Amino acid sequence: MANWLINLNWQFHAEIWQNCRKNGRAAIGWSNASDDDLADLSSYQKAVGYLKKIRPGDRVIAFLKDRRLGGWGVVNKTYDVNVYEPQLAPGTENEDFGRIIGVQWEDKKTPPNDKASRMKPEDVTGFTCLSTINHLSDEAFERLKKIIEDESRWELIAELFEEAHDDEYQESSTDGEEWHSPLRESALRRIIAEDLTK
């Protein structure tokens, strides 16, 4: 069993997470292009590579924007390259988010669909978030799960907003590791590209 942190929010599109929770799935971005068409994109390769590794029984945490957690669940269906079901409505910028896995999201002791749990800066320790999908240790998963279950941290998603950052993402040092808050898909792709060149 493995644990994963998946970014399920892009810019202000909270409906990505809301649709994923309602329909029992997690989804990642990138357009509905074939694997061959996107094979030269390192960020795509990394995200889809992780997606293909996720197995039934693995646990996932929904990471929203700027240290917000939507919920947690257990994977019940693997990624199928022949299935493409976008989470955002046609006409929405980057409406794809159609590469999916099945997830049984936990309903007890988790924020309702219109809320999320806020992490404190000091909560961001013990893991690094450098891509759309990130591996978590058991200890990090359990710690984030407790934050999700803490009702004092729940707040309406409508009240969650991103502050303007010149470089589109925050950086903070935690336990000697660099951590990037995945605020935008474009920022994630740039971060990953930079990271892979090191």
C-alpha atoms as a PDB file:
ATOM      1  CA  MET A   1       0.000   0.000   0.000  1.00  0.00           C
ATOM      2  CA  ALA A   2       1.298   3.437  -0.962  1.00  0.00           C
ATOM      3  CA  ASN A   3       0.158   6.941  -0.069  1.00  0.00           C
ATOM      4  CA  TRP A   4      -0.255   9.832  -2.479  1.00  0.00           C
ATOM      5  CA  LEU A   5      -0.915  13.573  -2.371  1.00  0.00           C
ATOM      6  CA  ILE A   6      -2.790  14.677  -5.508  1.00  0.00           C
ATOM      7  CA  ASN A   7      -3.361  18.282  -6.542  1.00  0.00           C
ATOM      8  CA  LEU A   8      -7.094  18.488  -7.289  1.00  0.00           C
ATOM      9  CA  ASN A   9      -7.450  22.210  -7.776  1.00  0.00           C
ATOM     10  CA  TRP A  10      -6.255  24.434 -10.592  1.00  0.00           C
ATOM     11  CA  GLN A  11      -6.421  28.217 -10.110  1.00  0.00           C
ATOM     12  CA  PHE A  12      -9.929  28.942  -8.778  1.00  0.00           C
ATOM     13  CA  HIS A  13     -11.615  25.794 -10.119  1.00  0.00           C
ATOM     14  CA  ALA A  14     -12.812  24.221  -6.869  1.00  0.00           C
ATOM     15  CA  GLU A  15     -15.233  22.132  -8.954  1.00  0.00           C
ATOM     16  CA  ILE A  16     -12.345  19.832  -9.902  1.00  0.00           C
ATOM     17  CA  TRP A  17     -12.252  18.548  -6.321  1.00  0.00           C
ATOM     18  CA  GLN A  18     -16.008  18.773  -5.866  1.00  0.00           C
ATOM     19  CA  ASN A  19     -16.679  16.726  -9.020  1.00  0.00           C
ATOM     20  CA  CYS A  20     -13.984  14.212  -8.108  1.00  0.00           C
ATOM     21  CA  ARG A  21     -15.474  13.703  -4.663  1.00  0.00           C
ATOM     22  CA  LYS A  22     -19.033  13.449  -5.946  1.00  0.00           C
ATOM     23  CA  ASN A  23     -18.094  10.994  -8.703  1.00  0.00           C
ATOM     24  CA  GLY A  24     -15.567   8.903  -6.751  1.00  0.00           C
ATOM     25  CA  ARG A  25     -12.341   9.730  -8.556  1.00  0.00           C
ATOM     26  CA  ALA A  26      -9.137  11.725  -8.629  1.00  0.00           C
ATOM     27  CA  ALA A  27      -8.029  13.429 -11.833  1.00  0.00           C
ATOM     28  CA  ILE A  28      -4.993  15.103 -13.317  1.00  0.00           C
ATOM     29  CA  GLY A  29      -4.653  17.718 -16.025  1.00  0.00           C
ATOM     30  CA  TRP A  30      -3.148  17.837 -19.506  1.00  0.00           C
ATOM     31  CA  SER A  31      -5.194  17.748 -22.664  1.00  0.00           C
ATOM     32  CA  ASN A  32      -6.775  14.666 -24.182  1.00  0.00           C
ATOM     33  CA  ALA A  33      -3.740  13.880 -26.283  1.00  0.00           C
ATOM     34  CA  SER A  34      -2.276  10.444 -26.795  1.00  0.00           C
ATOM     35  CA  ASP A  35       0.666   9.283 -24.716  1.00  0.00           C
ATOM     36  CA  ASP A  36       2.810   9.432 -27.874  1.00  0.00           C
ATOM     37  CA  ASP A  37       1.840  13.074 -28.521  1.00  0.00           C
ATOM     38  CA  LEU A  38       2.992  14.099 -25.039  1.00  0.00           C
ATOM     39  CA  ALA A  39       5.906  11.717 -24.596  1.00  0.00           C
ATOM     40  CA  ASP A  40       8.501  14.496 -24.731  1.00  0.00           C
ATOM     41  CA  LEU A  41       6.983  16.505 -21.866  1.00  0.00           C
ATOM     42  CA  SER A  42       8.855  15.623 -18.677  1.00  0.00           C
ATOM     43  CA  SER A  43       6.151  16.975 -16.365  1.00  0.00           C
ATOM     44  CA  TYR A  44       3.514  14.928 -18.152  1.00  0.00           C
ATOM     45  CA  GLN A  45       5.684  11.821 -17.994  1.00  0.00           C
ATOM     46  CA  LYS A  46       6.229  12.220 -14.265  1.00  0.00           C
ATOM     47  CA  ALA A  47       2.555  12.772 -13.420  1.00  0.00           C
ATOM     48  CA  VAL A  48       1.199  10.006 -15.636  1.00  0.00           C
ATOM     49  CA  GLY A  49       4.024   7.727 -14.501  1.00  0.00           C
ATOM     50  CA  TYR A  50       2.845   8.139 -10.916  1.00  0.00           C
ATOM     51  CA  LEU A  51      -0.792   7.751 -11.992  1.00  0.00           C
ATOM     52  CA  LYS A  52       0.035   4.405 -13.582  1.00  0.00           C
ATOM     53  CA  LYS A  53       1.747   3.237 -10.362  1.00  0.00           C
ATOM     54  CA  ILE A  54      -1.287   3.898  -8.147  1.00  0.00           C
ATOM     55  CA  ARG A  55      -3.017   0.639  -7.222  1.00  0.00           C
ATOM     56  CA  PRO A  56      -6.286  -0.347  -5.523  1.00  0.00           C
ATOM     57  CA  GLY A  57      -5.840  -0.086  -1.760  1.00  0.00           C
ATOM     58  CA  ASP A  58      -3.466   2.871  -2.016  1.00  0.00           C
ATOM     59  CA  ARG A  59      -4.535   5.962  -0.062  1.00  0.00           C
ATOM     60  CA  VAL A  60      -4.787   9.458  -1.488  1.00  0.00           C
ATOM     61  CA  ILE A  61      -5.146  12.939  -0.044  1.00  0.00           C
ATOM     62  CA  ALA A  62      -6.775  15.716  -2.060  1.00  0.00           C
ATOM     63  CA  PHE A  63      -4.548  18.787  -1.984  1.00  0.00           C
ATOM     64  CA  LEU A  64      -6.336  21.957  -3.026  1.00  0.00           C
ATOM     65  CA  LYS A  65      -4.606  25.319  -3.201  1.00  0.00           C
ATOM     66  CA  ASP A  66      -2.204  27.078  -0.883  1.00  0.00           C
ATOM     67  CA  ARG A  67      -2.075  24.477   1.921  1.00  0.00           C
ATOM     68  CA  ARG A  68      -5.714  23.339   1.787  1.00  0.00           C
ATOM     69  CA  LEU A  69      -6.811  19.701   2.094  1.00  0.00           C
ATOM     70  CA  GLY A  70     -10.152  18.486   0.739  1.00  0.00           C
ATOM     71  CA  GLY A  71     -10.278  14.933   2.038  1.00  0.00           C
ATOM     72  CA  TRP A  72      -8.764  11.475   1.844  1.00  0.00           C
ATOM     73  CA  GLY A  73      -9.793   8.199   0.296  1.00  0.00           C
ATOM     74  CA  VAL A  74      -8.806   4.732  -0.874  1.00  0.00           C
ATOM     75  CA  VAL A  75      -8.150   3.892  -4.516  1.00  0.00           C
ATOM     76  CA  ASN A  76     -10.562   1.347  -5.966  1.00  0.00           C
ATOM     77  CA  LYS A  77      -9.819   1.583  -9.690  1.00  0.00           C
ATOM     78  CA  THR A  78      -6.564   2.064 -11.597  1.00  0.00           C
ATOM     79  CA  TYR A  79      -5.846   4.493 -14.410  1.00  0.00           C
ATOM     80  CA  ASP A  80      -7.109   3.360 -17.814  1.00  0.00           C
ATOM     81  CA  VAL A  81      -5.459   5.131 -20.759  1.00  0.00           C
ATOM     82  CA  ASN A  82      -8.653   4.579 -22.779  1.00  0.00           C
ATOM     83  CA  VAL A  83     -10.854   6.476 -20.301  1.00  0.00           C
ATOM     84  CA  TYR A  84     -10.957  10.260 -20.489  1.00  0.00           C
ATOM     85  CA  GLU A  85     -13.570  12.117 -18.420  1.00  0.00           C
ATOM     86  CA  PRO A  86     -12.905  15.862 -17.892  1.00  0.00           C
ATOM     87  CA  GLN A  87     -13.826  17.402 -14.539  1.00  0.00           C
ATOM     88  CA  LEU A  88     -14.258  20.938 -15.862  1.00  0.00           C
ATOM     89  CA  ALA A  89     -17.047  22.010 -18.195  1.00  0.00           C
ATOM     90  CA  PRO A  90     -16.368  22.474 -21.929  1.00  0.00           C
ATOM     91  CA  GLY A  91     -15.222  26.009 -22.622  1.00  0.00           C
ATOM     92  CA  THR A  92     -13.306  26.306 -19.349  1.00  0.00           C
ATOM     93  CA  GLU A  93      -9.648  27.119 -19.760  1.00  0.00           C
ATOM     94  CA  ASN A  94      -7.735  23.845 -19.352  1.00  0.00           C
ATOM     95  CA  GLU A  95     -11.027  22.025 -18.943  1.00  0.00           C
ATOM     96  CA  ASP A  96      -9.400  18.638 -19.405  1.00  0.00           C
ATOM     97  CA  PHE A  97      -8.508  17.030 -16.017  1.00  0.00           C
ATOM     98  CA  GLY A  98      -9.770  13.829 -17.591  1.00  0.00           C
ATOM     99  CA  ARG A  99      -7.099  11.293 -16.691  1.00  0.00           C
ATOM    100  CA  ILE A 100      -8.697   9.576 -13.720  1.00  0.00           C
ATOM    101  CA  ILE A 101      -8.426   6.879 -11.081  1.00  0.00           C
ATOM    102  CA  GLY A 102     -11.328   5.615  -8.965  1.00  0.00           C
ATOM    103  CA  VAL A 103     -11.329   6.659  -5.303  1.00  0.00           C
ATOM    104  CA  GLN A 104     -13.687   5.849  -2.438  1.00  0.00           C
ATOM    105  CA  TRP A 105     -13.537   9.167  -0.593  1.00  0.00           C
ATOM    106  CA  GLU A 106     -14.010   9.018   3.166  1.00  0.00           C
ATOM    107  CA  ASP A 107     -17.196  10.782   4.278  1.00  0.00           C
ATOM    108  CA  LYS A 108     -16.797  10.575   8.060  1.00  0.00           C
ATOM    109  CA  LYS A 109     -14.766  13.198   9.907  1.00  0.00           C
ATOM    110  CA  THR A 110     -13.916  15.009   6.665  1.00  0.00           C
ATOM    111  CA  PRO A 111     -15.002  18.444   5.432  1.00  0.00           C
ATOM    112  CA  PRO A 112     -18.266  18.512   3.468  1.00  0.00           C
ATOM    113  CA  ASN A 113     -17.996  19.106  -0.270  1.00  0.00           C
ATOM    114  CA  ASP A 114     -18.160  22.896   0.077  1.00  0.00           C
ATOM    115  CA  LYS A 115     -15.354  23.092   2.669  1.00  0.00           C
ATOM    116  CA  ALA A 116     -11.664  22.275   3.046  1.00  0.00           C
ATOM    117  CA  SER A 117      -9.225  21.994   5.935  1.00  0.00           C
ATOM    118  CA  ARG A 118      -6.483  24.614   6.189  1.00  0.00           C
ATOM    119  CA  MET A 119      -2.903  23.587   6.930  1.00  0.00           C
ATOM    120  CA  LYS A 120      -0.639  25.833   8.975  1.00  0.00           C
ATOM    121  CA  PRO A 121       2.810  26.667   7.585  1.00  0.00           C
ATOM    122  CA  GLU A 122       4.411  24.452  10.222  1.00  0.00           C
ATOM    123  CA  ASP A 123       2.250  21.510   9.068  1.00  0.00           C
ATOM    124  CA  VAL A 124       4.175  21.368   5.811  1.00  0.00           C
ATOM    125  CA  THR A 125       6.966  19.117   7.046  1.00  0.00           C
ATOM    126  CA  GLY A 126       8.179  15.659   6.187  1.00  0.00           C
ATOM    127  CA  PHE A 127       7.293  15.716   2.511  1.00  0.00           C
ATOM    128  CA  THR A 128       8.028  17.612  -0.666  1.00  0.00           C
ATOM    129  CA  CYS A 129       5.406  18.698  -3.168  1.00  0.00           C
ATOM    130  CA  LEU A 130       7.031  19.163  -6.566  1.00  0.00           C
ATOM    131  CA  SER A 131       4.441  17.748  -8.951  1.00  0.00           C
ATOM    132  CA  THR A 132       0.771  17.073  -9.539  1.00  0.00           C
ATOM    133  CA  ILE A 133       1.074  13.690  -7.792  1.00  0.00           C
ATOM    134  CA  ASN A 134       3.428  13.208  -4.854  1.00  0.00           C
ATOM    135  CA  HIS A 135       4.383  10.168  -2.787  1.00  0.00           C
ATOM    136  CA  LEU A 136       3.729  10.364   0.980  1.00  0.00           C
ATOM    137  CA  SER A 137       5.206   8.367   3.837  1.00  0.00           C
ATOM    138  CA  ASP A 138       2.799   6.649   6.248  1.00  0.00           C
ATOM    139  CA  GLU A 139       3.689   9.215   8.921  1.00  0.00           C
ATOM    140  CA  ALA A 140       3.002  12.173   6.622  1.00  0.00           C
ATOM    141  CA  PHE A 141      -0.287  10.645   5.473  1.00  0.00           C
ATOM    142  CA  GLU A 142      -1.524  10.093   9.033  1.00  0.00           C
ATOM    143  CA  ARG A 143      -0.533  13.618  10.031  1.00  0.00           C
ATOM    144  CA  LEU A 144      -2.400  15.143   7.079  1.00  0.00           C
ATOM    145  CA  LYS A 145      -5.398  12.893   7.765  1.00  0.00           C
ATOM    146  CA  LYS A 146      -5.616  14.315  11.311  1.00  0.00           C
ATOM    147  CA  ILE A 147      -5.595  17.831   9.881  1.00  0.00           C
ATOM    148  CA  ILE A 148      -8.436  16.898   7.533  1.00  0.00           C
ATOM    149  CA  GLU A 149     -10.446  15.518  10.473  1.00  0.00           C
ATOM    150  CA  ASP A 150      -9.940  18.642  12.625  1.00  0.00           C
ATOM    151  CA  GLU A 151     -13.244  20.528  12.303  1.00  0.00           C
ATOM    152  CA  SER A 152     -11.700  23.692  13.753  1.00  0.00           C
ATOM    153  CA  ARG A 153      -9.721  24.000  10.505  1.00  0.00           C
ATOM    154  CA  TRP A 154     -12.666  23.611   8.139  1.00  0.00           C
ATOM    155  CA  GLU A 155     -13.683  26.628   6.097  1.00  0.00           C
ATOM    156  CA  LEU A 156     -15.775  27.281   3.022  1.00  0.00           C
ATOM    157  CA  ILE A 157     -13.959  26.723  -0.243  1.00  0.00           C
ATOM    158  CA  ALA A 158     -15.496  29.991  -1.472  1.00  0.00           C
ATOM    159  CA  GLU A 159     -13.453  31.753   1.227  1.00  0.00           C
ATOM    160  CA  LEU A 160     -10.182  30.203   0.081  1.00  0.00           C
ATOM    161  CA  PHE A 161      -8.266  32.531  -2.177  1.00  0.00           C
ATOM    162  CA  GLU A 162      -4.730  32.837  -3.400  1.00  0.00           C
ATOM    163  CA  GLU A 163      -2.620  35.853  -2.649  1.00  0.00           C
ATOM    164  CA  ALA A 164      -0.744  37.294  -5.592  1.00  0.00           C
ATOM    165  CA  HIS A 165       2.812  36.037  -5.877  1.00  0.00           C
ATOM    166  CA  ASP A 166       5.271  37.446  -8.364  1.00  0.00           C
ATOM    167  CA  ASP A 167       6.571  33.985  -9.194  1.00  0.00           C
ATOM    168  CA  GLU A 168       3.182  32.173  -8.972  1.00  0.00           C
ATOM    169  CA  TYR A 169       4.191  29.953  -6.047  1.00  0.00           C
ATOM    170  CA  GLN A 170       5.407  30.084  -2.482  1.00  0.00           C
ATOM    171  CA  GLU A 171       8.657  28.677  -1.229  1.00  0.00           C
ATOM    172  CA  SER A 172       9.402  27.762   2.348  1.00  0.00           C
ATOM    173  CA  SER A 173      12.070  25.681   3.969  1.00  0.00           C
ATOM    174  CA  THR A 174      10.869  22.755   6.090  1.00  0.00           C
ATOM    175  CA  ASP A 175      13.176  20.229   7.707  1.00  0.00           C
ATOM    176  CA  GLY A 176      15.867  21.175   5.229  1.00  0.00           C
ATOM    177  CA  GLU A 177      13.585  20.457   2.274  1.00  0.00           C
ATOM    178  CA  GLU A 178      12.209  22.836  -0.304  1.00  0.00           C
ATOM    179  CA  TRP A 179       8.428  22.890  -0.626  1.00  0.00           C
ATOM    180  CA  HIS A 180       6.399  24.465  -3.412  1.00  0.00           C
ATOM    181  CA  SER A 181       2.682  25.112  -2.977  1.00  0.00           C
ATOM    182  CA  PRO A 182       1.000  23.911  -6.194  1.00  0.00           C
ATOM    183  CA  LEU A 183      -1.086  26.973  -6.919  1.00  0.00           C
ATOM    184  CA  ARG A 184      -1.320  26.620 -10.667  1.00  0.00           C
ATOM    185  CA  GLU A 185      -0.753  23.830 -13.162  1.00  0.00           C
ATOM    186  CA  SER A 186       1.519  26.101 -15.193  1.00  0.00           C
ATOM    187  CA  ALA A 187       3.669  26.750 -12.109  1.00  0.00           C
ATOM    188  CA  LEU A 188       3.840  23.029 -11.388  1.00  0.00           C
ATOM    189  CA  ARG A 189       5.039  22.266 -14.879  1.00  0.00           C
ATOM    190  CA  ARG A 190       7.744  24.924 -14.641  1.00  0.00           C
ATOM    191  CA  ILE A 191       8.853  23.714 -11.200  1.00  0.00           C
ATOM    192  CA  ILE A 192       9.114  20.106 -12.378  1.00  0.00           C
ATOM    193  CA  ALA A 193      11.002  21.063 -15.512  1.00  0.00           C
ATOM    194  CA  GLU A 194      13.503  23.020 -13.400  1.00  0.00           C
ATOM    195  CA  ASP A 195      13.807  20.200 -10.876  1.00  0.00           C
ATOM    196  CA  LEU A 196      14.527  17.572 -13.527  1.00  0.00           C
ATOM    197  CA  THR A 197      17.380  19.617 -14.975  1.00  0.00           C
ATOM    198  CA  LYS A 198      19.305  19.512 -11.677  1.00  0.00           C
END
